[in-house]
Amino acid sequence: MVAVVRMSMASMVSARSGARRKDDPSPTAESGRDTCLAELRPGMSGEVTGIDESVEPSTARRLFDLGFAPGAEVAVLRKAPLGDPVVLRVAEYEVALRKAQTAGIRVRRTA
């Protein structure tokens, strides 16, 4: 299930630029809430809850083979300056994925 969030134009611009107000926490600021892996910042980690249905079956299978299976712990190690690619630690090794691929991986933030 995907939640729809209504945002003002100012909120959308600040969200895209990475800026956040202190009194306006992002959806990823709370532990335990499902989000996509692309929304996590370096240093954050989470538990994989699944792969989006919008991901092609062959890509979903490849992600599963790489270790992105439900219950797997994944940590964001670093992102390139423009956000693509993203280096992740999963199953005790590092893997780099494109931002579009990480957008299809659902996680529950743990740290």
PDB file of N, CA and C in Angstrom:
ATOM      1  N   MET A   1       0.844  -1.167   0.000  1.00  0.00           N
ATOM      2  CA  MET A   1       0.000   0.000   0.000  1.00  0.00           C
ATOM      3  C   MET A   1       0.895   1.237   0.000  1.00  0.00           C
ATOM      4  N   VAL A   2       0.579   2.159  -0.842  1.00  0.00           N
ATOM      5  CA  VAL A   2       1.355   3.392  -0.961  1.00  0.00           C
ATOM      6  C   VAL A   2       0.514   4.540  -0.431  1.00  0.00           C
ATOM      7  N   ALA A   3       1.091   5.328   0.449  1.00  0.00           N
ATOM      8  CA  ALA A   3       0.387   6.474   1.018  1.00  0.00           C
ATOM      9  C   ALA A   3       0.566   7.687   0.115  1.00  0.00           C
ATOM     10  N   VAL A   4      -0.484   8.447  -0.052  1.00  0.00           N
ATOM     11  CA  VAL A   4      -0.430   9.674  -0.836  1.00  0.00           C
ATOM     12  C   VAL A   4      -0.284  10.838   0.129  1.00  0.00           C
ATOM     13  N   VAL A   5       0.710  11.672  -0.120  1.00  0.00           N
ATOM     14  CA  VAL A   5       0.984  12.801   0.759  1.00  0.00           C
ATOM     15  C   VAL A   5       0.761  14.079  -0.025  1.00  0.00           C
ATOM     16  N   ARG A   6      -0.045  14.984   0.513  1.00  0.00           N
ATOM     17  CA  ARG A   6      -0.253  16.284  -0.117  1.00  0.00           C
ATOM     18  C   ARG A   6       0.758  17.263   0.451  1.00  0.00           C
ATOM     19  N   MET A   7       1.430  17.955  -0.458  1.00  0.00           N
ATOM     20  CA  MET A   7       2.459  18.900  -0.035  1.00  0.00           C
ATOM     21  C   MET A   7       2.242  20.227  -0.750  1.00  0.00           C
ATOM     22  N   SER A   8       2.601  21.298  -0.080  1.00  0.00           N
ATOM     23  CA  SER A   8       2.560  22.604  -0.741  1.00  0.00           C
ATOM     24  C   SER A   8       3.765  22.715  -1.665  1.00  0.00           C
ATOM     25  N   MET A   9       3.723  23.679  -2.570  1.00  0.00           N
ATOM     26  CA  MET A   9       4.824  23.858  -3.512  1.00  0.00           C
ATOM     27  C   MET A   9       6.124  24.148  -2.765  1.00  0.00           C
ATOM     28  N   ALA A  10       6.085  24.936  -1.706  1.00  0.00           N
ATOM     29  CA  ALA A  10       7.292  25.244  -0.929  1.00  0.00           C
ATOM     30  C   ALA A  10       7.854  23.987  -0.287  1.00  0.00           C
ATOM     31  N   SER A  11       6.987  23.099   0.210  1.00  0.00           N
ATOM     32  CA  SER A  11       7.451  21.856   0.812  1.00  0.00           C
ATOM     33  C   SER A  11       8.106  20.959  -0.225  1.00  0.00           C
ATOM     34  N   MET A  12       7.525  20.923  -1.430  1.00  0.00           N
ATOM     35  CA  MET A  12       8.091  20.087  -2.477  1.00  0.00           C
ATOM     36  C   MET A  12       9.459  20.593  -2.898  1.00  0.00           C
ATOM     37  N   VAL A  13       9.615  21.907  -3.008  1.00  0.00           N
ATOM     38  CA  VAL A  13      10.902  22.473  -3.392  1.00  0.00           C
ATOM     39  C   VAL A  13      11.936  22.196  -2.319  1.00  0.00           C
ATOM     40  N   SER A  14      11.577  22.378  -1.053  1.00  0.00           N
ATOM     41  CA  SER A  14      12.540  22.126   0.016  1.00  0.00           C
ATOM     42  C   SER A  14      12.862  20.645   0.121  1.00  0.00           C
ATOM     43  N   ALA A  15      11.897  19.771  -0.155  1.00  0.00           N
ATOM     44  CA  ALA A  15      12.147  18.333  -0.118  1.00  0.00           C
ATOM     45  C   ALA A  15      13.101  17.929  -1.237  1.00  0.00           C
ATOM     46  N   ARG A  16      12.926  18.522  -2.411  1.00  0.00           N
ATOM     47  CA  ARG A  16      13.812  18.195  -3.530  1.00  0.00           C
ATOM     48  C   ARG A  16      15.215  18.702  -3.291  1.00  0.00           C
ATOM     49  N   SER A  17      15.363  19.846  -2.642  1.00  0.00           N
ATOM     50  CA  SER A  17      16.688  20.409  -2.419  1.00  0.00           C
ATOM     51  C   SER A  17      17.371  19.781  -1.216  1.00  0.00           C
ATOM     52  N   GLY A  18      16.644  18.955  -0.459  1.00  0.00           N
ATOM     53  CA  GLY A  18      17.226  18.299   0.695  1.00  0.00           C
ATOM     54  C   GLY A  18      17.073  19.098   1.973  1.00  0.00           C
ATOM     55  N   ALA A  19      16.520  20.300   1.874  1.00  0.00           N
ATOM     56  CA  ALA A  19      16.341  21.143   3.052  1.00  0.00           C
ATOM     57  C   ALA A  19      15.086  20.720   3.800  1.00  0.00           C
ATOM     58  N   ARG A  20      15.141  20.788   5.119  1.00  0.00           N
ATOM     59  CA  ARG A  20      13.988  20.445   5.946  1.00  0.00           C
ATOM     60  C   ARG A  20      13.907  21.421   7.088  1.00  0.00           C
ATOM     61  N   ARG A  21      12.689  21.752   7.440  1.00  0.00           N
ATOM     62  CA  ARG A  21      12.504  22.573   8.639  1.00  0.00           C
ATOM     63  C   ARG A  21      12.623  21.659   9.843  1.00  0.00           C
ATOM     64  N   LYS A  22      13.076  22.197  10.954  1.00  0.00           N
ATOM     65  CA  LYS A  22      13.236  21.393  12.162  1.00  0.00           C
ATOM     66  C   LYS A  22      11.904  20.888  12.695  1.00  0.00           C
ATOM     67  N   ASP A  23      10.837  21.666  12.511  1.00  0.00           N
ATOM     68  CA  ASP A  23       9.532  21.256  13.028  1.00  0.00           C
ATOM     69  C   ASP A  23       8.736  20.434  12.012  1.00  0.00           C
ATOM     70  N   ASP A  24       9.337  20.117  10.851  1.00  0.00           N
ATOM     71  CA  ASP A  24       8.659  19.359   9.798  1.00  0.00           C
ATOM     72  C   ASP A  24       9.480  18.115   9.471  1.00  0.00           C
ATOM     73  N   PRO A  25       9.356  17.047  10.264  1.00  0.00           N
ATOM     74  CA  PRO A  25      10.176  15.860  10.035  1.00  0.00           C
ATOM     75  C   PRO A  25       9.798  15.171   8.729  1.00  0.00           C
ATOM     76  N   SER A  26      10.798  14.610   8.070  1.00  0.00           N
ATOM     77  CA  SER A  26      10.545  13.881   6.830  1.00  0.00           C
ATOM     78  C   SER A  26       9.930  12.533   7.158  1.00  0.00           C
ATOM     79  N   PRO A  27       9.302  11.860   6.165  1.00  0.00           N
ATOM     80  CA  PRO A  27       8.720  10.552   6.414  1.00  0.00           C
ATOM     81  C   PRO A  27       9.752   9.521   6.852  1.00  0.00           C
ATOM     82  N   THR A  28      11.017   9.716   6.475  1.00  0.00           N
ATOM     83  CA  THR A  28      12.041   8.754   6.854  1.00  0.00           C
ATOM     84  C   THR A  28      12.643   9.060   8.222  1.00  0.00           C
ATOM     85  N   ALA A  29      12.225  10.144   8.859  1.00  0.00           N
ATOM     86  CA  ALA A  29      12.804  10.517  10.150  1.00  0.00           C
ATOM     87  C   ALA A  29      12.339   9.590  11.261  1.00  0.00           C
ATOM     88  N   GLU A  30      11.199   8.952  11.084  1.00  0.00           N
ATOM     89  CA  GLU A  30      10.672   8.079  12.117  1.00  0.00           C
ATOM     90  C   GLU A  30      11.067   6.640  11.855  1.00  0.00           C
ATOM     91  N   SER A  31      11.529   5.960  12.894  1.00  0.00           N
ATOM     92  CA  SER A  31      11.888   4.563  12.778  1.00  0.00           C
ATOM     93  C   SER A  31      10.629   3.713  12.698  1.00  0.00           C
ATOM     94  N   GLY A  32      10.685   2.640  11.917  1.00  0.00           N
ATOM     95  CA  GLY A  32       9.573   1.713  11.862  1.00  0.00           C
ATOM     96  C   GLY A  32       8.566   1.985  10.765  1.00  0.00           C
ATOM     97  N   ARG A  33       8.695   3.048  10.010  1.00  0.00           N
ATOM     98  CA  ARG A  33       7.750   3.378   8.946  1.00  0.00           C
ATOM     99  C   ARG A  33       8.302   2.881   7.608  1.00  0.00           C
ATOM    100  N   ASP A  34       7.468   2.205   6.816  1.00  0.00           N
ATOM    101  CA  ASP A  34       7.895   1.729   5.504  1.00  0.00           C
ATOM    102  C   ASP A  34       8.132   2.895   4.557  1.00  0.00           C
ATOM    103  N   THR A  35       9.199   2.800   3.787  1.00  0.00           N
ATOM    104  CA  THR A  35       9.555   3.807   2.798  1.00  0.00           C
ATOM    105  C   THR A  35      10.356   3.112   1.712  1.00  0.00           C
ATOM    106  N   CYS A  36      10.747   3.846   0.698  1.00  0.00           N
ATOM    107  CA  CYS A  36      11.605   3.230  -0.324  1.00  0.00           C
ATOM    108  C   CYS A  36      13.069   3.472   0.052  1.00  0.00           C
ATOM    109  N   LEU A  37      13.910   2.571  -0.363  1.00  0.00           N
ATOM    110  CA  LEU A  37      15.331   2.633  -0.028  1.00  0.00           C
ATOM    111  C   LEU A  37      15.983   3.909  -0.555  1.00  0.00           C
ATOM    112  N   ALA A  38      15.483   4.453  -1.656  1.00  0.00           N
ATOM    113  CA  ALA A  38      16.048   5.671  -2.241  1.00  0.00           C
ATOM    114  C   ALA A  38      15.920   6.878  -1.310  1.00  0.00           C
ATOM    115  N   GLU A  39      14.986   6.849  -0.369  1.00  0.00           N
ATOM    116  CA  GLU A  39      14.779   7.980   0.535  1.00  0.00           C
ATOM    117  C   GLU A  39      15.727   7.988   1.731  1.00  0.00           C
ATOM    118  N   LEU A  40      16.422   6.890   1.977  1.00  0.00           N
ATOM    119  CA  LEU A  40      17.359   6.853   3.096  1.00  0.00           C
ATOM    120  C   LEU A  40      18.638   7.581   2.731  1.00  0.00           C
ATOM    121  N   ARG A  41      19.220   8.258   3.711  1.00  0.00           N
ATOM    122  CA  ARG A  41      20.469   8.996   3.520  1.00  0.00           C
ATOM    123  C   ARG A  41      21.644   8.145   4.000  1.00  0.00           C
ATOM    124  N   PRO A  42      22.863   8.493   3.568  1.00  0.00           N
ATOM    125  CA  PRO A  42      24.036   7.752   4.050  1.00  0.00           C
ATOM    126  C   PRO A  42      24.075   7.707   5.581  1.00  0.00           C
ATOM    127  N   GLY A  43      24.392   6.542   6.101  1.00  0.00           N
ATOM    128  CA  GLY A  43      24.420   6.324   7.544  1.00  0.00           C
ATOM    129  C   GLY A  43      23.142   5.698   8.070  1.00  0.00           C
ATOM    130  N   MET A  44      22.072   5.736   7.294  1.00  0.00           N
ATOM    131  CA  MET A  44      20.805   5.136   7.717  1.00  0.00           C
ATOM    132  C   MET A  44      20.758   3.677   7.283  1.00  0.00           C
ATOM    133  N   SER A  45      19.960   2.896   7.998  1.00  0.00           N
ATOM    134  CA  SER A  45      19.791   1.493   7.626  1.00  0.00           C
ATOM    135  C   SER A  45      18.344   1.088   7.818  1.00  0.00           C
ATOM    136  N   GLY A  46      18.017  -0.049   7.253  1.00  0.00           N
ATOM    137  CA  GLY A  46      16.651  -0.536   7.361  1.00  0.00           C
ATOM    138  C   GLY A  46      16.564  -2.016   7.057  1.00  0.00           C
ATOM    139  N   GLU A  47      15.373  -2.538   7.218  1.00  0.00           N
ATOM    140  CA  GLU A  47      15.094  -3.940   6.940  1.00  0.00           C
ATOM    141  C   GLU A  47      14.213  -4.000   5.702  1.00  0.00           C
ATOM    142  N   VAL A  48      14.599  -4.806   4.731  1.00  0.00           N
ATOM    143  CA  VAL A  48      13.832  -4.924   3.498  1.00  0.00           C
ATOM    144  C   VAL A  48      12.482  -5.552   3.811  1.00  0.00           C
ATOM    145  N   THR A  49      11.412  -4.907   3.342  1.00  0.00           N
ATOM    146  CA  THR A  49      10.067  -5.449   3.528  1.00  0.00           C
ATOM    147  C   THR A  49       9.503  -6.021   2.234  1.00  0.00           C
ATOM    148  N   GLY A  50      10.106  -5.665   1.097  1.00  0.00           N
ATOM    149  CA  GLY A  50       9.647  -6.213  -0.173  1.00  0.00           C
ATOM    150  C   GLY A  50      10.108  -5.391  -1.351  1.00  0.00           C
ATOM    151  N   ILE A  51       9.734  -5.876  -2.540  1.00  0.00           N
ATOM    152  CA  ILE A  51      10.041  -5.196  -3.793  1.00  0.00           C
ATOM    153  C   ILE A  51       8.717  -4.712  -4.372  1.00  0.00           C
ATOM    154  N   ASP A  52       8.681  -3.470  -4.838  1.00  0.00           N
ATOM    155  CA  ASP A  52       7.473  -2.898  -5.436  1.00  0.00           C
ATOM    156  C   ASP A  52       7.002  -3.720  -6.627  1.00  0.00           C
ATOM    157  N   GLU A  53       5.705  -3.780  -6.822  1.00  0.00           N
ATOM    158  CA  GLU A  53       5.142  -4.490  -7.965  1.00  0.00           C
ATOM    159  C   GLU A  53       5.469  -3.801  -9.280  1.00  0.00           C
ATOM    160  N   SER A  54       5.838  -2.523  -9.237  1.00  0.00           N
ATOM    161  CA  SER A  54       6.161  -1.778 -10.450  1.00  0.00           C
ATOM    162  C   SER A  54       7.513  -2.179 -11.043  1.00  0.00           C
ATOM    163  N   VAL A  55       8.335  -2.881 -10.264  1.00  0.00           N
ATOM    164  CA  VAL A  55       9.651  -3.318 -10.727  1.00  0.00           C
ATOM    165  C   VAL A  55       9.472  -4.513 -11.666  1.00  0.00           C
ATOM    166  N   GLU A  56      10.198  -4.490 -12.788  1.00  0.00           N
ATOM    167  CA  GLU A  56      10.128  -5.604 -13.734  1.00  0.00           C
ATOM    168  C   GLU A  56      10.486  -6.909 -13.031  1.00  0.00           C
ATOM    169  N   PRO A  57       9.818  -8.009 -13.369  1.00  0.00           N
ATOM    170  CA  PRO A  57      10.091  -9.296 -12.716  1.00  0.00           C
ATOM    171  C   PRO A  57      11.559  -9.723 -12.801  1.00  0.00           C
ATOM    172  N   SER A  58      12.207  -9.482 -13.933  1.00  0.00           N
ATOM    173  CA  SER A  58      13.619  -9.881 -14.054  1.00  0.00           C
ATOM    174  C   SER A  58      14.502  -9.052 -13.123  1.00  0.00           C
ATOM    175  N   THR A  59      14.189  -7.763 -12.981  1.00  0.00           N
ATOM    176  CA  THR A  59      14.948  -6.901 -12.070  1.00  0.00           C
ATOM    177  C   THR A  59      14.674  -7.285 -10.623  1.00  0.00           C
ATOM    178  N   ALA A  60      13.414  -7.581 -10.307  1.00  0.00           N
ATOM    179  CA  ALA A  60      13.062  -7.994  -8.944  1.00  0.00           C
ATOM    180  C   ALA A  60      13.801  -9.275  -8.576  1.00  0.00           C
ATOM    181  N   ARG A  61      13.884 -10.210  -9.508  1.00  0.00           N
ATOM    182  CA  ARG A  61      14.601 -11.468  -9.257  1.00  0.00           C
ATOM    183  C   ARG A  61      16.078 -11.197  -9.016  1.00  0.00           C
ATOM    184  N   ARG A  62      16.670 -10.307  -9.812  1.00  0.00           N
ATOM    185  CA  ARG A  62      18.085  -9.974  -9.657  1.00  0.00           C
ATOM    186  C   ARG A  62      18.339  -9.303  -8.301  1.00  0.00           C
ATOM    187  N   LEU A  63      17.470  -8.396  -7.896  1.00  0.00           N
ATOM    188  CA  LEU A  63      17.607  -7.755  -6.582  1.00  0.00           C
ATOM    189  C   LEU A  63      17.517  -8.792  -5.472  1.00  0.00           C
ATOM    190  N   PHE A  64      16.580  -9.728  -5.620  1.00  0.00           N
ATOM    191  CA  PHE A  64      16.438 -10.806  -4.642  1.00  0.00           C
ATOM    192  C   PHE A  64      17.724 -11.632  -4.584  1.00  0.00           C
ATOM    193  N   ASP A  65      18.297 -11.962  -5.751  1.00  0.00           N
ATOM    194  CA  ASP A  65      19.543 -12.737  -5.811  1.00  0.00           C
ATOM    195  C   ASP A  65      20.708 -11.988  -5.184  1.00  0.00           C
ATOM    196  N   LEU A  66      20.681 -10.648  -5.257  1.00  0.00           N
ATOM    197  CA  LEU A  66      21.740  -9.841  -4.658  1.00  0.00           C
ATOM    198  C   LEU A  66      21.623  -9.747  -3.139  1.00  0.00           C
ATOM    199  N   GLY A  67      20.495 -10.195  -2.584  1.00  0.00           N
ATOM    200  CA  GLY A  67      20.325 -10.178  -1.136  1.00  0.00           C
ATOM    201  C   GLY A  67      19.221  -9.273  -0.639  1.00  0.00           C
ATOM    202  N   PHE A  68      18.514  -8.605  -1.535  1.00  0.00           N
ATOM    203  CA  PHE A  68      17.436  -7.701  -1.126  1.00  0.00           C
ATOM    204  C   PHE A  68      16.136  -8.484  -0.947  1.00  0.00           C
ATOM    205  N   ALA A  69      16.184  -9.448  -0.051  1.00  0.00           N
ATOM    206  CA  ALA A  69      15.026 -10.290   0.256  1.00  0.00           C
ATOM    207  C   ALA A  69      14.357  -9.753   1.519  1.00  0.00           C
ATOM    208  N   PRO A  70      13.057  -9.981   1.679  1.00  0.00           N
ATOM    209  CA  PRO A  70      12.379  -9.521   2.902  1.00  0.00           C
ATOM    210  C   PRO A  70      13.099 -10.010   4.158  1.00  0.00           C
ATOM    211  N   GLY A  71      13.331  -9.076   5.073  1.00  0.00           N
ATOM    212  CA  GLY A  71      14.024  -9.387   6.320  1.00  0.00           C
ATOM    213  C   GLY A  71      15.508  -9.071   6.297  1.00  0.00           C
ATOM    214  N   ALA A  72      16.075  -8.834   5.128  1.00  0.00           N
ATOM    215  CA  ALA A  72      17.510  -8.527   5.025  1.00  0.00           C
ATOM    216  C   ALA A  72      17.785  -7.119   5.536  1.00  0.00           C
ATOM    217  N   GLU A  73      18.891  -6.979   6.238  1.00  0.00           N
ATOM    218  CA  GLU A  73      19.321  -5.672   6.744  1.00  0.00           C
ATOM    219  C   GLU A  73      20.136  -4.988   5.659  1.00  0.00           C
ATOM    220  N   VAL A  74      19.834  -3.724   5.374  1.00  0.00           N
ATOM    221  CA  VAL A  74      20.547  -2.962   4.346  1.00  0.00           C
ATOM    222  C   VAL A  74      20.927  -1.603   4.921  1.00  0.00           C
ATOM    223  N   ALA A  75      22.144  -1.160   4.600  1.00  0.00           N
ATOM    224  CA  ALA A  75      22.626   0.140   5.082  1.00  0.00           C
ATOM    225  C   ALA A  75      23.096   0.965   3.890  1.00  0.00           C
ATOM    226  N   VAL A  76      22.782   2.253   3.916  1.00  0.00           N
ATOM    227  CA  VAL A  76      23.245   3.170   2.871  1.00  0.00           C
ATOM    228  C   VAL A  76      24.621   3.675   3.302  1.00  0.00           C
ATOM    229  N   LEU A  77      25.642   3.354   2.512  1.00  0.00           N
ATOM    230  CA  LEU A  77      27.002   3.753   2.853  1.00  0.00           C
ATOM    231  C   LEU A  77      27.337   5.127   2.284  1.00  0.00           C
ATOM    232  N   ARG A  78      27.056   5.327   0.997  1.00  0.00           N
ATOM    233  CA  ARG A  78      27.343   6.635   0.381  1.00  0.00           C
ATOM    234  C   ARG A  78      26.546   6.778  -0.910  1.00  0.00           C
ATOM    235  N   LYS A  79      26.403   8.039  -1.308  1.00  0.00           N
ATOM    236  CA  LYS A  79      25.722   8.371  -2.556  1.00  0.00           C
ATOM    237  C   LYS A  79      26.630   9.275  -3.358  1.00  0.00           C
ATOM    238  N   ALA A  80      26.551   9.159  -4.673  1.00  0.00           N
ATOM    239  CA  ALA A  80      27.302  10.048  -5.556  1.00  0.00           C
ATOM    240  C   ALA A  80      26.733  11.464  -5.397  1.00  0.00           C
ATOM    241  N   PRO A  81      27.499  12.490  -5.783  1.00  0.00           N
ATOM    242  CA  PRO A  81      27.037  13.868  -5.591  1.00  0.00           C
ATOM    243  C   PRO A  81      25.645  14.168  -6.151  1.00  0.00           C
ATOM    244  N   LEU A  82      25.264  13.571  -7.260  1.00  0.00           N
ATOM    245  CA  LEU A  82      23.939  13.804  -7.823  1.00  0.00           C
ATOM    246  C   LEU A  82      22.941  12.727  -7.392  1.00  0.00           C
ATOM    247  N   GLY A  83      23.330  11.871  -6.443  1.00  0.00           N
ATOM    248  CA  GLY A  83      22.425  10.861  -5.897  1.00  0.00           C
ATOM    249  C   GLY A  83      22.392   9.551  -6.649  1.00  0.00           C
ATOM    250  N   ASP A  84      23.224   9.400  -7.687  1.00  0.00           N
ATOM    251  CA  ASP A  84      23.192   8.186  -8.493  1.00  0.00           C
ATOM    252  C   ASP A  84      24.604   7.845  -8.924  1.00  0.00           C
ATOM    253  N   PRO A  85      25.166   6.703  -8.604  1.00  0.00           N
ATOM    254  CA  PRO A  85      24.583   5.554  -7.925  1.00  0.00           C
ATOM    255  C   PRO A  85      24.645   5.669  -6.404  1.00  0.00           C
ATOM    256  N   VAL A  86      24.062   4.668  -5.756  1.00  0.00           N
ATOM    257  CA  VAL A  86      24.028   4.571  -4.300  1.00  0.00           C
ATOM    258  C   VAL A  86      24.792   3.310  -3.912  1.00  0.00           C
ATOM    259  N   VAL A  87      25.706   3.418  -2.940  1.00  0.00           N
ATOM    260  CA  VAL A  87      26.452   2.258  -2.470  1.00  0.00           C
ATOM    261  C   VAL A  87      25.796   1.772  -1.186  1.00  0.00           C
ATOM    262  N   LEU A  88      25.432   0.483  -1.186  1.00  0.00           N
ATOM    263  CA  LEU A  88      24.707  -0.125  -0.072  1.00  0.00           C
ATOM    264  C   LEU A  88      25.470  -1.315   0.482  1.00  0.00           C
ATOM    265  N   ARG A  89      25.252  -1.614   1.765  1.00  0.00           N
ATOM    266  CA  ARG A  89      25.786  -2.843   2.359  1.00  0.00           C
ATOM    267  C   ARG A  89      24.597  -3.758   2.621  1.00  0.00           C
ATOM    268  N   VAL A  90      24.635  -4.929   2.012  1.00  0.00           N
ATOM    269  CA  VAL A  90      23.596  -5.937   2.200  1.00  0.00           C
ATOM    270  C   VAL A  90      24.277  -7.297   2.199  1.00  0.00           C
ATOM    271  N   ALA A  91      23.837  -8.172   3.075  1.00  0.00           N
ATOM    272  CA  ALA A  91      24.399  -9.526   3.158  1.00  0.00           C
ATOM    273  C   ALA A  91      25.925  -9.505   3.290  1.00  0.00           C
ATOM    274  N   GLU A  92      26.453  -8.572   4.058  1.00  0.00           N
ATOM    275  CA  GLU A  92      27.869  -8.433   4.371  1.00  0.00           C
ATOM    276  C   GLU A  92      28.768  -8.136   3.173  1.00  0.00           C
ATOM    277  N   TYR A  93      28.215  -7.518   2.140  1.00  0.00           N
ATOM    278  CA  TYR A  93      29.024  -7.027   1.035  1.00  0.00           C
ATOM    279  C   TYR A  93      28.423  -5.718   0.535  1.00  0.00           C
ATOM    280  N   GLU A  94      29.208  -5.003  -0.281  1.00  0.00           N
ATOM    281  CA  GLU A  94      28.751  -3.726  -0.808  1.00  0.00           C
ATOM    282  C   GLU A  94      28.296  -3.891  -2.248  1.00  0.00           C
ATOM    283  N   VAL A  95      27.226  -3.196  -2.591  1.00  0.00           N
ATOM    284  CA  VAL A  95      26.689  -3.221  -3.944  1.00  0.00           C
ATOM    285  C   VAL A  95      26.265  -1.800  -4.306  1.00  0.00           C
ATOM    286  N   ALA A  96      26.487  -1.424  -5.562  1.00  0.00           N
ATOM    287  CA  ALA A  96      26.069  -0.106  -6.048  1.00  0.00           C
ATOM    288  C   ALA A  96      24.863  -0.288  -6.961  1.00  0.00           C
ATOM    289  N   LEU A  97      23.816   0.482  -6.707  1.00  0.00           N
ATOM    290  CA  LEU A  97      22.599   0.437  -7.515  1.00  0.00           C
ATOM    291  C   LEU A  97      22.246   1.843  -7.974  1.00  0.00           C
ATOM    292  N   ARG A  98      21.538   1.913  -9.069  1.00  0.00           N
ATOM    293  CA  ARG A  98      21.013   3.199  -9.530  1.00  0.00           C
ATOM    294  C   ARG A  98      19.866   3.624  -8.617  1.00  0.00           C
ATOM    295  N   LYS A  99      19.646   4.921  -8.550  1.00  0.00           N
ATOM    296  CA  LYS A  99      18.584   5.468  -7.706  1.00  0.00           C
ATOM    297  C   LYS A  99      17.224   4.894  -8.100  1.00  0.00           C
ATOM    298  N   ALA A 100      16.989   4.704  -9.399  1.00  0.00           N
ATOM    299  CA  ALA A 100      15.711   4.146  -9.866  1.00  0.00           C
ATOM    300  C   ALA A 100      15.503   2.731  -9.347  1.00  0.00           C
ATOM    301  N   GLN A 101      16.579   1.966  -9.212  1.00  0.00           N
ATOM    302  CA  GLN A 101      16.465   0.606  -8.689  1.00  0.00           C
ATOM    303  C   GLN A 101      16.182   0.623  -7.190  1.00  0.00           C
ATOM    304  N   THR A 102      16.813   1.543  -6.471  1.00  0.00           N
ATOM    305  CA  THR A 102      16.573   1.607  -5.022  1.00  0.00           C
ATOM    306  C   THR A 102      15.165   2.110  -4.715  1.00  0.00           C
ATOM    307  N   ALA A 103      14.566   2.843  -5.655  1.00  0.00           N
ATOM    308  CA  ALA A 103      13.202   3.336  -5.449  1.00  0.00           C
ATOM    309  C   ALA A 103      12.187   2.202  -5.421  1.00  0.00           C
ATOM    310  N   GLY A 104      12.521   1.065  -6.001  1.00  0.00           N
ATOM    311  CA  GLY A 104      11.607  -0.070  -6.023  1.00  0.00           C
ATOM    312  C   GLY A 104      11.759  -1.014  -4.852  1.00  0.00           C
ATOM    313  N   ILE A 105      12.689  -0.729  -3.945  1.00  0.00           N
ATOM    314  CA  ILE A 105      12.922  -1.593  -2.785  1.00  0.00           C
ATOM    315  C   ILE A 105      12.280  -0.944  -1.566  1.00  0.00           C
ATOM    316  N   ARG A 106      11.340  -1.623  -0.944  1.00  0.00           N
ATOM    317  CA  ARG A 106      10.641  -1.110   0.239  1.00  0.00           C
ATOM    318  C   ARG A 106      11.413  -1.547   1.494  1.00  0.00           C
ATOM    319  N   VAL A 107      11.608  -0.612   2.418  1.00  0.00           N
ATOM    320  CA  VAL A 107      12.325  -0.893   3.667  1.00  0.00           C
ATOM    321  C   VAL A 107      11.600  -0.285   4.852  1.00  0.00           C
ATOM    322  N   ARG A 108      11.872  -0.830   6.022  1.00  0.00           N
ATOM    323  CA  ARG A 108      11.415  -0.270   7.288  1.00  0.00           C
ATOM    324  C   ARG A 108      12.692   0.202   7.985  1.00  0.00           C
ATOM    325  N   ARG A 109      12.782   1.493   8.209  1.00  0.00           N
ATOM    326  CA  ARG A 109      13.989   2.081   8.798  1.00  0.00           C
ATOM    327  C   ARG A 109      14.247   1.558  10.193  1.00  0.00           C
ATOM    328  N   THR A 110      15.512   1.180  10.459  1.00  0.00           N
ATOM    329  CA  THR A 110      15.897   0.686  11.782  1.00  0.00           C
ATOM    330  C   THR A 110      16.885   1.608  12.471  1.00  0.00           C
ATOM    331  N   ALA A 111      17.709   2.329  11.716  1.00  0.00           N
ATOM    332  CA  ALA A 111      18.668   3.257  12.332  1.00  0.00           C
ATOM    333  C   ALA A 111      18.995   4.376  11.386  1.00  0.00           C
TER     334      ALA A 111
END
